[in-house]
Amino acid sequence: MRAKCQDCVMEPIVIDDLAAFQPRPGTGLVTRALADGPGMKVTLFALCEGHRMAEHRTPHAASVFVTQGEVSFSVNEEWHRLAAGGFVFLPPGCAHAVRAETDCQFALVAARPV
């Protein structure tokens, strides 16, 4: 839901149930951009069990919040298994990969220079 803000650069977004809002993949991976504005981008990810995202790097800091299921993150070649409520902070340039242990969903908040 979008809230009104007279002095905002972009409109505020309020979601009372993030897990229910996230996309549901049939197979593989589905993403949904939630907010894309100055200084940050928020993307929701839904992965089917067994889906993998190859190792890559982010140019800016990013935070990941797991909302459903279980997912493993490789951070600088060390794997960490997280369930709903889990959190990962990735500093700029950090190598990471993703593996869905179950059907899972997470939100990625990526910083950007303003």
C-alpha atoms as a PDB file:
ATOM      1  CA  MET A   1       0.000   0.000   0.000  1.00  0.00           C
ATOM      2  CA  ARG A   2       1.329   3.443  -0.838  1.00  0.00           C
ATOM      3  CA  ALA A   3       0.988   6.189   1.779  1.00  0.00           C
ATOM      4  CA  LYS A   4       0.925   9.895   0.949  1.00  0.00           C
ATOM      5  CA  CYS A   5       3.822  12.156   1.916  1.00  0.00           C
ATOM      6  CA  GLN A   6       3.933  15.828   0.962  1.00  0.00           C
ATOM      7  CA  ASP A   7       7.682  16.369   1.443  1.00  0.00           C
ATOM      8  CA  CYS A   8       9.027  12.953   0.345  1.00  0.00           C
ATOM      9  CA  VAL A   9      11.263  12.331  -2.663  1.00  0.00           C
ATOM     10  CA  MET A  10       9.180   9.214  -3.357  1.00  0.00           C
ATOM     11  CA  GLU A  11       5.955   7.880  -1.867  1.00  0.00           C
ATOM     12  CA  PRO A  12       6.242   5.753   1.304  1.00  0.00           C
ATOM     13  CA  ILE A  13       5.272   2.069   1.015  1.00  0.00           C
ATOM     14  CA  VAL A  14       3.596   0.205   3.871  1.00  0.00           C
ATOM     15  CA  ILE A  15       3.050  -3.573   3.747  1.00  0.00           C
ATOM     16  CA  ASP A  16       1.455  -5.258   6.750  1.00  0.00           C
ATOM     17  CA  ASP A  17       2.407  -8.830   5.711  1.00  0.00           C
ATOM     18  CA  LEU A  18       5.605  -8.980   3.661  1.00  0.00           C
ATOM     19  CA  ALA A  19       5.527 -12.789   3.322  1.00  0.00           C
ATOM     20  CA  ALA A  20       2.044 -12.695   1.791  1.00  0.00           C
ATOM     21  CA  PHE A  21       3.093  -9.922  -0.626  1.00  0.00           C
ATOM     22  CA  GLN A  22       6.077 -11.780  -2.054  1.00  0.00           C
ATOM     23  CA  PRO A  23       5.911 -13.496  -5.442  1.00  0.00           C
ATOM     24  CA  ARG A  24       5.345 -17.246  -5.679  1.00  0.00           C
ATOM     25  CA  PRO A  25       7.512 -19.060  -8.208  1.00  0.00           C
ATOM     26  CA  GLY A  26       6.304 -22.097 -10.127  1.00  0.00           C
ATOM     27  CA  THR A  27       9.912 -23.143 -10.614  1.00  0.00           C
ATOM     28  CA  GLY A  28      13.279 -21.477 -10.113  1.00  0.00           C
ATOM     29  CA  LEU A  29      13.324 -17.819  -9.156  1.00  0.00           C
ATOM     30  CA  VAL A  30      10.883 -14.908  -9.181  1.00  0.00           C
ATOM     31  CA  THR A  31      11.723 -11.348  -8.122  1.00  0.00           C
ATOM     32  CA  ARG A  32       9.608  -8.282  -7.475  1.00  0.00           C
ATOM     33  CA  ALA A  33      10.991  -4.750  -7.122  1.00  0.00           C
ATOM     34  CA  LEU A  34       9.294  -3.176  -4.133  1.00  0.00           C
ATOM     35  CA  ALA A  35      11.021   0.210  -3.883  1.00  0.00           C
ATOM     36  CA  ASP A  36      13.585   1.836  -6.124  1.00  0.00           C
ATOM     37  CA  GLY A  37      14.644   5.277  -5.044  1.00  0.00           C
ATOM     38  CA  PRO A  38      17.543   7.500  -4.108  1.00  0.00           C
ATOM     39  CA  GLY A  39      20.014   5.668  -1.903  1.00  0.00           C
ATOM     40  CA  MET A  40      18.493   2.177  -2.019  1.00  0.00           C
ATOM     41  CA  LYS A  41      16.533  -0.510  -3.836  1.00  0.00           C
ATOM     42  CA  VAL A  42      14.363  -3.186  -2.188  1.00  0.00           C
ATOM     43  CA  THR A  43      13.754  -6.423  -4.099  1.00  0.00           C
ATOM     44  CA  LEU A  44      11.732  -9.428  -2.975  1.00  0.00           C
ATOM     45  CA  PHE A  45      13.015 -12.866  -4.021  1.00  0.00           C
ATOM     46  CA  ALA A  46      11.155 -16.196  -4.051  1.00  0.00           C
ATOM     47  CA  LEU A  47      13.121 -19.370  -4.849  1.00  0.00           C
ATOM     48  CA  CYS A  48      11.957 -22.954  -5.245  1.00  0.00           C
ATOM     49  CA  GLU A  49      13.718 -25.664  -3.260  1.00  0.00           C
ATOM     50  CA  GLY A  50      17.047 -26.562  -4.878  1.00  0.00           C
ATOM     51  CA  HIS A  51      17.372 -23.369  -6.917  1.00  0.00           C
ATOM     52  CA  ARG A  52      20.834 -21.772  -6.836  1.00  0.00           C
ATOM     53  CA  MET A  53      22.189 -18.342  -7.649  1.00  0.00           C
ATOM     54  CA  ALA A  54      25.829 -18.494  -8.728  1.00  0.00           C
ATOM     55  CA  GLU A  55      28.479 -16.586  -6.816  1.00  0.00           C
ATOM     56  CA  HIS A  56      28.497 -12.879  -7.578  1.00  0.00           C
ATOM     57  CA  ARG A  57      29.447  -9.577  -5.935  1.00  0.00           C
ATOM     58  CA  THR A  58      27.419  -6.514  -5.115  1.00  0.00           C
ATOM     59  CA  PRO A  59      29.030  -3.125  -5.796  1.00  0.00           C
ATOM     60  CA  HIS A  60      27.379  -1.548  -2.736  1.00  0.00           C
ATOM     61  CA  ALA A  61      26.374  -2.715   0.741  1.00  0.00           C
ATOM     62  CA  ALA A  62      23.287  -4.938   0.938  1.00  0.00           C
ATOM     63  CA  SER A  63      21.154  -6.541   3.644  1.00  0.00           C
ATOM     64  CA  VAL A  64      19.084  -9.702   3.295  1.00  0.00           C
ATOM     65  CA  PHE A  65      16.077 -10.554   5.492  1.00  0.00           C
ATOM     66  CA  VAL A  66      14.719 -14.127   5.205  1.00  0.00           C
ATOM     67  CA  THR A  67      10.909 -14.111   5.505  1.00  0.00           C
ATOM     68  CA  GLN A  68       9.949 -17.719   4.705  1.00  0.00           C
ATOM     69  CA  GLY A  69      11.567 -21.125   4.376  1.00  0.00           C
ATOM     70  CA  GLU A  70      15.274 -21.938   4.598  1.00  0.00           C
ATOM     71  CA  VAL A  71      18.057 -20.613   2.412  1.00  0.00           C
ATOM     72  CA  SER A  72      21.840 -20.937   2.513  1.00  0.00           C
ATOM     73  CA  PHE A  73      24.148 -18.046   1.714  1.00  0.00           C
ATOM     74  CA  SER A  74      27.793 -18.516   0.834  1.00  0.00           C
ATOM     75  CA  VAL A  75      29.610 -15.448   2.132  1.00  0.00           C
ATOM     76  CA  ASN A  76      33.274 -15.356   1.069  1.00  0.00           C
ATOM     77  CA  GLU A  77      33.063 -19.134   0.411  1.00  0.00           C
ATOM     78  CA  GLU A  78      31.598 -20.033   3.848  1.00  0.00           C
ATOM     79  CA  TRP A  79      28.010 -21.385   3.817  1.00  0.00           C
ATOM     80  CA  HIS A  80      25.401 -20.208   6.367  1.00  0.00           C
ATOM     81  CA  ARG A  81      21.933 -21.811   6.561  1.00  0.00           C
ATOM     82  CA  LEU A  82      19.201 -19.361   7.596  1.00  0.00           C
ATOM     83  CA  ALA A  83      15.491 -19.732   8.322  1.00  0.00           C
ATOM     84  CA  ALA A  84      12.714 -17.137   8.455  1.00  0.00           C
ATOM     85  CA  GLY A  85      13.930 -14.279  10.636  1.00  0.00           C
ATOM     86  CA  GLY A  86      17.558 -14.743   9.509  1.00  0.00           C
ATOM     87  CA  PHE A  87      19.669 -11.792   8.406  1.00  0.00           C
ATOM     88  CA  VAL A  88      22.809 -11.303   6.284  1.00  0.00           C
ATOM     89  CA  PHE A  89      24.770  -8.068   5.823  1.00  0.00           C
ATOM     90  CA  LEU A  90      27.007  -7.933   2.725  1.00  0.00           C
ATOM     91  CA  PRO A  91      29.621  -5.168   2.592  1.00  0.00           C
ATOM     92  CA  PRO A  92      30.525  -3.722  -0.817  1.00  0.00           C
ATOM     93  CA  GLY A  93      32.381  -6.205  -3.027  1.00  0.00           C
ATOM     94  CA  CYS A  94      31.561  -9.245  -0.853  1.00  0.00           C
ATOM     95  CA  ALA A  95      31.388 -12.516  -2.832  1.00  0.00           C
ATOM     96  CA  HIS A  96      28.166 -14.433  -2.154  1.00  0.00           C
ATOM     97  CA  ALA A  97      25.957 -17.192  -3.565  1.00  0.00           C
ATOM     98  CA  VAL A  98      22.480 -18.474  -2.691  1.00  0.00           C
ATOM     99  CA  ARG A  99      20.978 -21.973  -2.425  1.00  0.00           C
ATOM    100  CA  ALA A 100      17.300 -22.595  -1.565  1.00  0.00           C
ATOM    101  CA  GLU A 101      17.121 -25.429   0.980  1.00  0.00           C
ATOM    102  CA  THR A 102      13.295 -25.284   0.881  1.00  0.00           C
ATOM    103  CA  ASP A 103      10.897 -23.063  -1.007  1.00  0.00           C
ATOM    104  CA  CYS A 104      11.950 -19.718   0.450  1.00  0.00           C
ATOM    105  CA  GLN A 105      11.519 -15.977   0.258  1.00  0.00           C
ATOM    106  CA  PHE A 106      13.740 -13.073   1.249  1.00  0.00           C
ATOM    107  CA  ALA A 107      13.988  -9.317   0.883  1.00  0.00           C
ATOM    108  CA  LEU A 108      17.199  -7.700  -0.394  1.00  0.00           C
ATOM    109  CA  VAL A 109      17.851  -4.081   0.560  1.00  0.00           C
ATOM    110  CA  ALA A 110      20.679  -2.745  -1.616  1.00  0.00           C
ATOM    111  CA  ALA A 111      22.360   0.571  -0.842  1.00  0.00           C
ATOM    112  CA  ARG A 112      23.234   2.974  -3.663  1.00  0.00           C
ATOM    113  CA  PRO A 113      25.187   6.184  -3.772  1.00  0.00           C
ATOM    114  CA  VAL A 114      22.908   9.228  -3.842  1.00  0.00           C
END
